[in-house]
Amino acid sequence: MLHIALHFIVPALIAVLFYKKLTYKAWLIMIATMAVDLDHLLANPIYDPDRCSIGFHPLHSYIAIGVYAVLLIFPRLRIMAIGLLIHIALDYVDC
């Protein structure tokens, strides 16, 4: 439950601290990046509390994480990239 809450709280903190003029929009964009978890639907079972998402699911692969990091370069994609990397970091904590 804490893990899921952090997926909402951490982006909110980043939005408030670094995107004061766009706080709500930045937060919504970062929350939307939780769609990256749709790749869990490809796994069997869909949810396994003992499985580490990083390196297992396609959108949680190391190649995907590298792509998310490269997206930081592009100003128009930066908020989305931050959201994706926050998501990955929070998932990594569970590993």
PDB file of N, CA and C in Angstrom:
ATOM      1  N   MET A   1       0.819  -1.184   0.000  1.00  0.00           N
ATOM      2  CA  MET A   1       0.000   0.000   0.000  1.00  0.00           C
ATOM      3  C   MET A   1       0.873   1.262   0.000  1.00  0.00           C
ATOM      4  N   LEU A   2       1.948   1.235   0.784  1.00  0.00           N
ATOM      5  CA  LEU A   2       2.870   2.378   0.818  1.00  0.00           C
ATOM      6  C   LEU A   2       3.500   2.585  -0.556  1.00  0.00           C
ATOM      7  N   HIS A   3       3.841   1.479  -1.208  1.00  0.00           N
ATOM      8  CA  HIS A   3       4.457   1.552  -2.531  1.00  0.00           C
ATOM      9  C   HIS A   3       3.548   2.307  -3.503  1.00  0.00           C
ATOM     10  N   ILE A   4       2.293   1.979  -3.526  1.00  0.00           N
ATOM     11  CA  ILE A   4       1.346   2.634  -4.423  1.00  0.00           C
ATOM     12  C   ILE A   4       1.185   4.104  -4.047  1.00  0.00           C
ATOM     13  N   ALA A   5       1.108   4.386  -2.763  1.00  0.00           N
ATOM     14  CA  ALA A   5       0.984   5.778  -2.301  1.00  0.00           C
ATOM     15  C   ALA A   5       2.187   6.608  -2.734  1.00  0.00           C
ATOM     16  N   LEU A   6       3.368   6.017  -2.679  1.00  0.00           N
ATOM     17  CA  LEU A   6       4.578   6.743  -3.081  1.00  0.00           C
ATOM     18  C   LEU A   6       4.567   7.094  -4.567  1.00  0.00           C
ATOM     19  N   HIS A   7       3.883   6.287  -5.376  1.00  0.00           N
ATOM     20  CA  HIS A   7       3.771   6.584  -6.805  1.00  0.00           C
ATOM     21  C   HIS A   7       2.953   7.851  -7.046  1.00  0.00           C
ATOM     22  N   PHE A   8       2.187   8.276  -6.070  1.00  0.00           N
ATOM     23  CA  PHE A   8       1.433   9.529  -6.153  1.00  0.00           C
ATOM     24  C   PHE A   8       2.123  10.659  -5.398  1.00  0.00           C
ATOM     25  N   ILE A   9       2.713  10.331  -4.252  1.00  0.00           N
ATOM     26  CA  ILE A   9       3.315  11.344  -3.377  1.00  0.00           C
ATOM     27  C   ILE A   9       4.619  11.895  -3.939  1.00  0.00           C
ATOM     28  N   VAL A  10       5.517  11.035  -4.395  1.00  0.00           N
ATOM     29  CA  VAL A  10       6.824  11.495  -4.890  1.00  0.00           C
ATOM     30  C   VAL A  10       6.658  12.414  -6.108  1.00  0.00           C
ATOM     31  N   PRO A  11       5.841  12.053  -7.109  1.00  0.00           N
ATOM     32  CA  PRO A  11       5.632  12.995  -8.217  1.00  0.00           C
ATOM     33  C   PRO A  11       5.008  14.322  -7.752  1.00  0.00           C
ATOM     34  N   ALA A  12       4.143  14.265  -6.764  1.00  0.00           N
ATOM     35  CA  ALA A  12       3.549  15.499  -6.234  1.00  0.00           C
ATOM     36  C   ALA A  12       4.627  16.395  -5.637  1.00  0.00           C
ATOM     37  N   LEU A  13       5.545  15.803  -4.892  1.00  0.00           N
ATOM     38  CA  LEU A  13       6.635  16.583  -4.292  1.00  0.00           C
ATOM     39  C   LEU A  13       7.529  17.192  -5.367  1.00  0.00           C
ATOM     40  N   ILE A  14       7.860  16.417  -6.375  1.00  0.00           N
ATOM     41  CA  ILE A  14       8.689  16.927  -7.478  1.00  0.00           C
ATOM     42  C   ILE A  14       7.967  18.060  -8.194  1.00  0.00           C
ATOM     43  N   ALA A  15       6.674  17.885  -8.441  1.00  0.00           N
ATOM     44  CA  ALA A  15       5.891  18.917  -9.134  1.00  0.00           C
ATOM     45  C   ALA A  15       5.845  20.208  -8.323  1.00  0.00           C
ATOM     46  N   VAL A  16       5.640  20.086  -7.024  1.00  0.00           N
ATOM     47  CA  VAL A  16       5.565  21.276  -6.161  1.00  0.00           C
ATOM     48  C   VAL A  16       6.928  21.963  -6.059  1.00  0.00           C
ATOM     49  N   LEU A  17       7.978  21.182  -5.934  1.00  0.00           N
ATOM     50  CA  LEU A  17       9.312  21.760  -5.742  1.00  0.00           C
ATOM     51  C   LEU A  17       9.924  22.350  -7.012  1.00  0.00           C
ATOM     52  N   PHE A  18       9.678  21.704  -8.168  1.00  0.00           N
ATOM     53  CA  PHE A  18      10.391  22.098  -9.377  1.00  0.00           C
ATOM     54  C   PHE A  18       9.520  22.647 -10.509  1.00  0.00           C
ATOM     55  N   TYR A  19       8.223  22.499 -10.378  1.00  0.00           N
ATOM     56  CA  TYR A  19       7.316  22.970 -11.433  1.00  0.00           C
ATOM     57  C   TYR A  19       6.182  23.799 -10.822  1.00  0.00           C
ATOM     58  N   LYS A  20       6.557  24.854 -10.127  1.00  0.00           N
ATOM     59  CA  LYS A  20       5.582  25.672  -9.403  1.00  0.00           C
ATOM     60  C   LYS A  20       4.477  26.225 -10.308  1.00  0.00           C
ATOM     61  N   LYS A  21       4.812  26.672 -11.511  1.00  0.00           N
ATOM     62  CA  LYS A  21       3.808  27.238 -12.406  1.00  0.00           C
ATOM     63  C   LYS A  21       2.959  26.164 -13.071  1.00  0.00           C
ATOM     64  N   LEU A  22       3.472  24.949 -13.122  1.00  0.00           N
ATOM     65  CA  LEU A  22       2.779  23.844 -13.786  1.00  0.00           C
ATOM     66  C   LEU A  22       2.499  22.693 -12.830  1.00  0.00           C
ATOM     67  N   THR A  23       2.389  22.977 -11.545  1.00  0.00           N
ATOM     68  CA  THR A  23       2.337  21.912 -10.548  1.00  0.00           C
ATOM     69  C   THR A  23       1.328  20.824 -10.882  1.00  0.00           C
ATOM     70  N   TYR A  24       0.081  21.196 -11.070  1.00  0.00           N
ATOM     71  CA  TYR A  24      -0.969  20.195 -11.296  1.00  0.00           C
ATOM     72  C   TYR A  24      -0.748  19.449 -12.613  1.00  0.00           C
ATOM     73  N   LYS A  25      -0.396  20.179 -13.667  1.00  0.00           N
ATOM     74  CA  LYS A  25      -0.157  19.548 -14.970  1.00  0.00           C
ATOM     75  C   LYS A  25       1.037  18.597 -14.897  1.00  0.00           C
ATOM     76  N   ALA A  26       2.120  19.039 -14.265  1.00  0.00           N
ATOM     77  CA  ALA A  26       3.315  18.198 -14.132  1.00  0.00           C
ATOM     78  C   ALA A  26       2.992  16.937 -13.334  1.00  0.00           C
ATOM     79  N   TRP A  27       2.224  17.105 -12.268  1.00  0.00           N
ATOM     80  CA  TRP A  27       1.845  15.955 -11.445  1.00  0.00           C
ATOM     81  C   TRP A  27       1.013  14.965 -12.263  1.00  0.00           C
ATOM     82  N   LEU A  28       0.048  15.470 -13.026  1.00  0.00           N
ATOM     83  CA  LEU A  28      -0.794  14.595 -13.843  1.00  0.00           C
ATOM     84  C   LEU A  28       0.015  13.842 -14.900  1.00  0.00           C
ATOM     85  N   ILE A  29       0.970  14.531 -15.513  1.00  0.00           N
ATOM     86  CA  ILE A  29       1.826  13.864 -16.508  1.00  0.00           C
ATOM     87  C   ILE A  29       2.629  12.751 -15.846  1.00  0.00           C
ATOM     88  N   MET A  30       3.196  13.046 -14.677  1.00  0.00           N
ATOM     89  CA  MET A  30       3.991  12.024 -13.994  1.00  0.00           C
ATOM     90  C   MET A  30       3.121  10.865 -13.521  1.00  0.00           C
ATOM     91  N   ILE A  31       1.896  11.150 -13.102  1.00  0.00           N
ATOM     92  CA  ILE A  31       0.984  10.081 -12.700  1.00  0.00           C
ATOM     93  C   ILE A  31       0.610   9.231 -13.918  1.00  0.00           C
ATOM     94  N   ALA A  32       0.440   9.874 -15.060  1.00  0.00           N
ATOM     95  CA  ALA A  32       0.083   9.151 -16.286  1.00  0.00           C
ATOM     96  C   ALA A  32       1.153   8.136 -16.677  1.00  0.00           C
ATOM     97  N   THR A  33       2.386   8.368 -16.248  1.00  0.00           N
ATOM     98  CA  THR A  33       3.451   7.425 -16.597  1.00  0.00           C
ATOM     99  C   THR A  33       3.288   6.087 -15.881  1.00  0.00           C
ATOM    100  N   MET A  34       2.345   6.005 -14.948  1.00  0.00           N
ATOM    101  CA  MET A  34       2.077   4.707 -14.322  1.00  0.00           C
ATOM    102  C   MET A  34       1.502   3.722 -15.333  1.00  0.00           C
ATOM    103  N   ALA A  35       1.106   4.226 -16.497  1.00  0.00           N
ATOM    104  CA  ALA A  35       0.639   3.348 -17.575  1.00  0.00           C
ATOM    105  C   ALA A  35       1.741   2.374 -17.997  1.00  0.00           C
ATOM    106  N   VAL A  36       2.977   2.680 -17.624  1.00  0.00           N
ATOM    107  CA  VAL A  36       4.090   1.778 -17.919  1.00  0.00           C
ATOM    108  C   VAL A  36       3.851   0.412 -17.262  1.00  0.00           C
ATOM    109  N   ASP A  37       3.002   0.367 -16.257  1.00  0.00           N
ATOM    110  CA  ASP A  37       2.702  -0.896 -15.581  1.00  0.00           C
ATOM    111  C   ASP A  37       1.772  -1.797 -16.380  1.00  0.00           C
ATOM    112  N   LEU A  38       1.290  -1.324 -17.522  1.00  0.00           N
ATOM    113  CA  LEU A  38       0.461  -2.179 -18.371  1.00  0.00           C
ATOM    114  C   LEU A  38       1.218  -3.411 -18.842  1.00  0.00           C
ATOM    115  N   ASP A  39       2.547  -3.314 -18.838  1.00  0.00           N
ATOM    116  CA  ASP A  39       3.336  -4.482 -19.253  1.00  0.00           C
ATOM    117  C   ASP A  39       3.213  -5.635 -18.259  1.00  0.00           C
ATOM    118  N   HIS A  40       2.705  -5.372 -17.077  1.00  0.00           N
ATOM    119  CA  HIS A  40       2.480  -6.438 -16.103  1.00  0.00           C
ATOM    120  C   HIS A  40       1.411  -7.412 -16.607  1.00  0.00           C
ATOM    121  N   LEU A  41       0.534  -6.919 -17.493  1.00  0.00           N
ATOM    122  CA  LEU A  41      -0.522  -7.772 -18.033  1.00  0.00           C
ATOM    123  C   LEU A  41       0.034  -8.893 -18.915  1.00  0.00           C
ATOM    124  N   LEU A  42       1.275  -8.751 -19.345  1.00  0.00           N
ATOM    125  CA  LEU A  42       1.909  -9.776 -20.177  1.00  0.00           C
ATOM    126  C   LEU A  42       2.487 -10.930 -19.355  1.00  0.00           C
ATOM    127  N   ALA A  43       2.564 -10.747 -18.046  1.00  0.00           N
ATOM    128  CA  ALA A  43       3.187 -11.746 -17.178  1.00  0.00           C
ATOM    129  C   ALA A  43       2.145 -12.736 -16.661  1.00  0.00           C
ATOM    130  N   ASN A  44       2.625 -13.907 -16.301  1.00  0.00           N
ATOM    131  CA  ASN A  44       1.770 -14.907 -15.690  1.00  0.00           C
ATOM    132  C   ASN A  44       2.472 -15.453 -14.454  1.00  0.00           C
ATOM    133  N   PRO A  45       1.975 -15.187 -13.273  1.00  0.00           N
ATOM    134  CA  PRO A  45       0.769 -14.430 -12.962  1.00  0.00           C
ATOM    135  C   PRO A  45       0.999 -12.934 -13.168  1.00  0.00           C
ATOM    136  N   ILE A  46      -0.093 -12.203 -13.308  1.00  0.00           N
ATOM    137  CA  ILE A  46       0.007 -10.757 -13.535  1.00  0.00           C
ATOM    138  C   ILE A  46       0.717 -10.090 -12.373  1.00  0.00           C
ATOM    139  N   TYR A  47       0.378 -10.490 -11.154  1.00  0.00           N
ATOM    140  CA  TYR A  47       1.027  -9.907  -9.968  1.00  0.00           C
ATOM    141  C   TYR A  47       1.681 -11.013  -9.168  1.00  0.00           C
ATOM    142  N   ASP A  48       2.937 -10.817  -8.884  1.00  0.00           N
ATOM    143  CA  ASP A  48       3.690 -11.737  -8.027  1.00  0.00           C
ATOM    144  C   ASP A  48       4.471 -10.884  -7.045  1.00  0.00           C
ATOM    145  N   PRO A  49       4.109 -10.914  -5.768  1.00  0.00           N
ATOM    146  CA  PRO A  49       4.769 -10.035  -4.792  1.00  0.00           C
ATOM    147  C   PRO A  49       6.265 -10.303  -4.628  1.00  0.00           C
ATOM    148  N   ASP A  50       6.713 -11.477  -5.039  1.00  0.00           N
ATOM    149  CA  ASP A  50       8.130 -11.823  -4.899  1.00  0.00           C
ATOM    150  C   ASP A  50       8.944 -11.542  -6.166  1.00  0.00           C
ATOM    151  N   ARG A  51       8.290 -11.034  -7.206  1.00  0.00           N
ATOM    152  CA  ARG A  51       8.978 -10.795  -8.478  1.00  0.00           C
ATOM    153  C   ARG A  51       9.441  -9.338  -8.550  1.00  0.00           C
ATOM    154  N   CYS A  52      10.653  -9.141  -9.005  1.00  0.00           N
ATOM    155  CA  CYS A  52      11.187  -7.798  -9.235  1.00  0.00           C
ATOM    156  C   CYS A  52      10.802  -7.365 -10.651  1.00  0.00           C
ATOM    157  N   SER A  53      10.121  -6.237 -10.757  1.00  0.00           N
ATOM    158  CA  SER A  53       9.676  -5.733 -12.063  1.00  0.00           C
ATOM    159  C   SER A  53      10.848  -5.347 -12.951  1.00  0.00           C
ATOM    160  N   ILE A  54      11.903  -4.813 -12.333  1.00  0.00           N
ATOM    161  CA  ILE A  54      13.042  -4.317 -13.097  1.00  0.00           C
ATOM    162  C   ILE A  54      13.749  -5.487 -13.773  1.00  0.00           C
ATOM    163  N   GLY A  55      13.868  -5.386 -15.089  1.00  0.00           N
ATOM    164  CA  GLY A  55      14.523  -6.439 -15.851  1.00  0.00           C
ATOM    165  C   GLY A  55      13.610  -7.591 -16.214  1.00  0.00           C
ATOM    166  N   PHE A  56      12.384  -7.601 -15.696  1.00  0.00           N
ATOM    167  CA  PHE A  56      11.461  -8.692 -16.010  1.00  0.00           C
ATOM    168  C   PHE A  56      10.433  -8.270 -17.053  1.00  0.00           C
ATOM    169  N   HIS A  57       9.764  -7.167 -16.806  1.00  0.00           N
ATOM    170  CA  HIS A  57       8.734  -6.666 -17.717  1.00  0.00           C
ATOM    171  C   HIS A  57       9.382  -5.814 -18.814  1.00  0.00           C
ATOM    172  N   PRO A  58       8.845  -5.838 -20.038  1.00  0.00           N
ATOM    173  CA  PRO A  58       9.456  -5.105 -21.153  1.00  0.00           C
ATOM    174  C   PRO A  58       9.632  -3.603 -20.913  1.00  0.00           C
ATOM    175  N   LEU A  59       8.644  -2.950 -20.346  1.00  0.00           N
ATOM    176  CA  LEU A  59       8.754  -1.506 -20.103  1.00  0.00           C
ATOM    177  C   LEU A  59       9.522  -1.187 -18.817  1.00  0.00           C
ATOM    178  N   HIS A  60       9.990  -2.226 -18.144  1.00  0.00           N
ATOM    179  CA  HIS A  60      10.849  -2.079 -16.966  1.00  0.00           C
ATOM    180  C   HIS A  60      12.244  -2.651 -17.246  1.00  0.00           C
ATOM    181  N   SER A  61      12.537  -2.875 -18.524  1.00  0.00           N
ATOM    182  CA  SER A  61      13.829  -3.446 -18.908  1.00  0.00           C
ATOM    183  C   SER A  61      14.918  -2.368 -18.830  1.00  0.00           C
ATOM    184  N   TYR A  62      16.143  -2.818 -18.826  1.00  0.00           N
ATOM    185  CA  TYR A  62      17.260  -1.871 -18.751  1.00  0.00           C
ATOM    186  C   TYR A  62      17.345  -1.018 -20.019  1.00  0.00           C
ATOM    187  N   ILE A  63      16.975  -1.583 -21.141  1.00  0.00           N
ATOM    188  CA  ILE A  63      16.958  -0.798 -22.384  1.00  0.00           C
ATOM    189  C   ILE A  63      15.903   0.307 -22.281  1.00  0.00           C
ATOM    190  N   ALA A  64      14.714  -0.044 -21.797  1.00  0.00           N
ATOM    191  CA  ALA A  64      13.655   0.955 -21.632  1.00  0.00           C
ATOM    192  C   ALA A  64      14.080   2.043 -20.652  1.00  0.00           C
ATOM    193  N   ILE A  65      14.734   1.652 -19.583  1.00  0.00           N
ATOM    194  CA  ILE A  65      15.196   2.632 -18.592  1.00  0.00           C
ATOM    195  C   ILE A  65      16.201   3.584 -19.239  1.00  0.00           C
ATOM    196  N   GLY A  66      17.073   3.066 -20.087  1.00  0.00           N
ATOM    197  CA  GLY A  66      18.016   3.915 -20.821  1.00  0.00           C
ATOM    198  C   GLY A  66      17.298   4.910 -21.718  1.00  0.00           C
ATOM    199  N   VAL A  67      16.242   4.444 -22.382  1.00  0.00           N
ATOM    200  CA  VAL A  67      15.442   5.336 -23.233  1.00  0.00           C
ATOM    201  C   VAL A  67      14.807   6.426 -22.377  1.00  0.00           C
ATOM    202  N   TYR A  68      14.271   6.063 -21.211  1.00  0.00           N
ATOM    203  CA  TYR A  68      13.660   7.058 -20.319  1.00  0.00           C
ATOM    204  C   TYR A  68      14.695   8.108 -19.905  1.00  0.00           C
ATOM    205  N   ALA A  69      15.918   7.675 -19.653  1.00  0.00           N
ATOM    206  CA  ALA A  69      16.977   8.611 -19.272  1.00  0.00           C
ATOM    207  C   ALA A  69      17.313   9.550 -20.432  1.00  0.00           C
ATOM    208  N   VAL A  70      17.358   9.025 -21.648  1.00  0.00           N
ATOM    209  CA  VAL A  70      17.649   9.860 -22.828  1.00  0.00           C
ATOM    210  C   VAL A  70      16.553  10.898 -23.035  1.00  0.00           C
ATOM    211  N   LEU A  71      15.315  10.551 -22.696  1.00  0.00           N
ATOM    212  CA  LEU A  71      14.204  11.495 -22.856  1.00  0.00           C
ATOM    213  C   LEU A  71      14.383  12.763 -22.017  1.00  0.00           C
ATOM    214  N   LEU A  72      15.216  12.679 -20.986  1.00  0.00           N
ATOM    215  CA  LEU A  72      15.490  13.871 -20.154  1.00  0.00           C
ATOM    216  C   LEU A  72      16.114  15.002 -20.967  1.00  0.00           C
ATOM    217  N   ILE A  73      16.774  14.660 -22.049  1.00  0.00           N
ATOM    218  CA  ILE A  73      17.447  15.654 -22.887  1.00  0.00           C
ATOM    219  C   ILE A  73      16.444  16.602 -23.541  1.00  0.00           C
ATOM    220  N   PHE A  74      15.268  16.082 -23.847  1.00  0.00           N
ATOM    221  CA  PHE A  74      14.273  16.848 -24.597  1.00  0.00           C
ATOM    222  C   PHE A  74      13.323  17.587 -23.648  1.00  0.00           C
ATOM    223  N   PRO A  75      13.371  18.925 -23.650  1.00  0.00           N
ATOM    224  CA  PRO A  75      12.552  19.701 -22.707  1.00  0.00           C
ATOM    225  C   PRO A  75      11.063  19.347 -22.729  1.00  0.00           C
ATOM    226  N   ARG A  76      10.511  19.091 -23.897  1.00  0.00           N
ATOM    227  CA  ARG A  76       9.071  18.788 -23.987  1.00  0.00           C
ATOM    228  C   ARG A  76       8.724  17.420 -23.402  1.00  0.00           C
ATOM    229  N   LEU A  77       9.705  16.557 -23.267  1.00  0.00           N
ATOM    230  CA  LEU A  77       9.474  15.211 -22.744  1.00  0.00           C
ATOM    231  C   LEU A  77      10.034  15.021 -21.335  1.00  0.00           C
ATOM    232  N   ARG A  78      10.646  16.061 -20.808  1.00  0.00           N
ATOM    233  CA  ARG A  78      11.364  15.944 -19.540  1.00  0.00           C
ATOM    234  C   ARG A  78      10.458  15.537 -18.374  1.00  0.00           C
ATOM    235  N   ILE A  79       9.285  16.136 -18.259  1.00  0.00           N
ATOM    236  CA  ILE A  79       8.404  15.793 -17.136  1.00  0.00           C
ATOM    237  C   ILE A  79       7.992  14.328 -17.236  1.00  0.00           C
ATOM    238  N   MET A  80       7.677  13.881 -18.440  1.00  0.00           N
ATOM    239  CA  MET A  80       7.316  12.481 -18.636  1.00  0.00           C
ATOM    240  C   MET A  80       8.494  11.573 -18.266  1.00  0.00           C
ATOM    241  N   ALA A  81       9.681  11.949 -18.688  1.00  0.00           N
ATOM    242  CA  ALA A  81      10.877  11.152 -18.378  1.00  0.00           C
ATOM    243  C   ALA A  81      11.109  11.086 -16.877  1.00  0.00           C
ATOM    244  N   ILE A  82      10.924  12.196 -16.203  1.00  0.00           N
ATOM    245  CA  ILE A  82      11.085  12.214 -14.744  1.00  0.00           C
ATOM    246  C   ILE A  82      10.071  11.275 -14.103  1.00  0.00           C
ATOM    247  N   GLY A  83       8.829  11.337 -14.575  1.00  0.00           N
ATOM    248  CA  GLY A  83       7.800  10.444 -14.043  1.00  0.00           C
ATOM    249  C   GLY A  83       8.153   8.980 -14.246  1.00  0.00           C
ATOM    250  N   LEU A  84       8.637   8.649 -15.431  1.00  0.00           N
ATOM    251  CA  LEU A  84       9.029   7.269 -15.717  1.00  0.00           C
ATOM    252  C   LEU A  84      10.192   6.822 -14.827  1.00  0.00           C
ATOM    253  N   LEU A  85      11.172   7.696 -14.659  1.00  0.00           N
ATOM    254  CA  LEU A  85      12.333   7.333 -13.838  1.00  0.00           C
ATOM    255  C   LEU A  85      11.981   7.249 -12.355  1.00  0.00           C
ATOM    256  N   ILE A  86      11.073   8.100 -11.898  1.00  0.00           N
ATOM    257  CA  ILE A  86      10.587   7.986 -10.514  1.00  0.00           C
ATOM    258  C   ILE A  86       9.896   6.635 -10.342  1.00  0.00           C
ATOM    259  N   HIS A  87       9.063   6.300 -11.300  1.00  0.00           N
ATOM    260  CA  HIS A  87       8.337   5.026 -11.243  1.00  0.00           C
ATOM    261  C   HIS A  87       9.318   3.849 -11.160  1.00  0.00           C
ATOM    262  N   ILE A  88      10.313   3.859 -12.019  1.00  0.00           N
ATOM    263  CA  ILE A  88      11.314   2.786 -12.033  1.00  0.00           C
ATOM    264  C   ILE A  88      12.078   2.745 -10.705  1.00  0.00           C
ATOM    265  N   ALA A  89      12.460   3.907 -10.196  1.00  0.00           N
ATOM    266  CA  ALA A  89      13.196   3.954  -8.924  1.00  0.00           C
ATOM    267  C   ALA A  89      12.357   3.388  -7.788  1.00  0.00           C
ATOM    268  N   LEU A  90      11.087   3.739  -7.758  1.00  0.00           N
ATOM    269  CA  LEU A  90      10.219   3.212  -6.708  1.00  0.00           C
ATOM    270  C   LEU A  90      10.018   1.713  -6.857  1.00  0.00           C
ATOM    271  N   ASP A  91       9.921   1.237  -8.081  1.00  0.00           N
ATOM    272  CA  ASP A  91       9.808  -0.204  -8.298  1.00  0.00           C
ATOM    273  C   ASP A  91      11.107  -0.914  -7.906  1.00  0.00           C
ATOM    274  N   TYR A  92      12.235  -0.262  -8.144  1.00  0.00           N
ATOM    275  CA  TYR A  92      13.533  -0.854  -7.794  1.00  0.00           C
ATOM    276  C   TYR A  92      13.658  -1.060  -6.288  1.00  0.00           C
ATOM    277  N   VAL A  93      13.086  -0.138  -5.515  1.00  0.00           N
ATOM    278  CA  VAL A  93      13.129  -0.248  -4.053  1.00  0.00           C
ATOM    279  C   VAL A  93      12.491  -1.564  -3.602  1.00  0.00           C
ATOM    280  N   ASP A  94      11.460  -2.009  -4.306  1.00  0.00           N
ATOM    281  CA  ASP A  94      10.792  -3.257  -3.963  1.00  0.00           C
ATOM    282  C   ASP A  94      11.624  -4.491  -4.268  1.00  0.00           C
ATOM    283  N   CYS A  95      12.673  -4.324  -5.069  1.00  0.00           N
ATOM    284  CA  CYS A  95      13.498  -5.472  -5.416  1.00  0.00           C
ATOM    285  C   CYS A  95      14.409  -5.821  -4.248  1.00  0.00           C
TER     286      CYS A  95
END
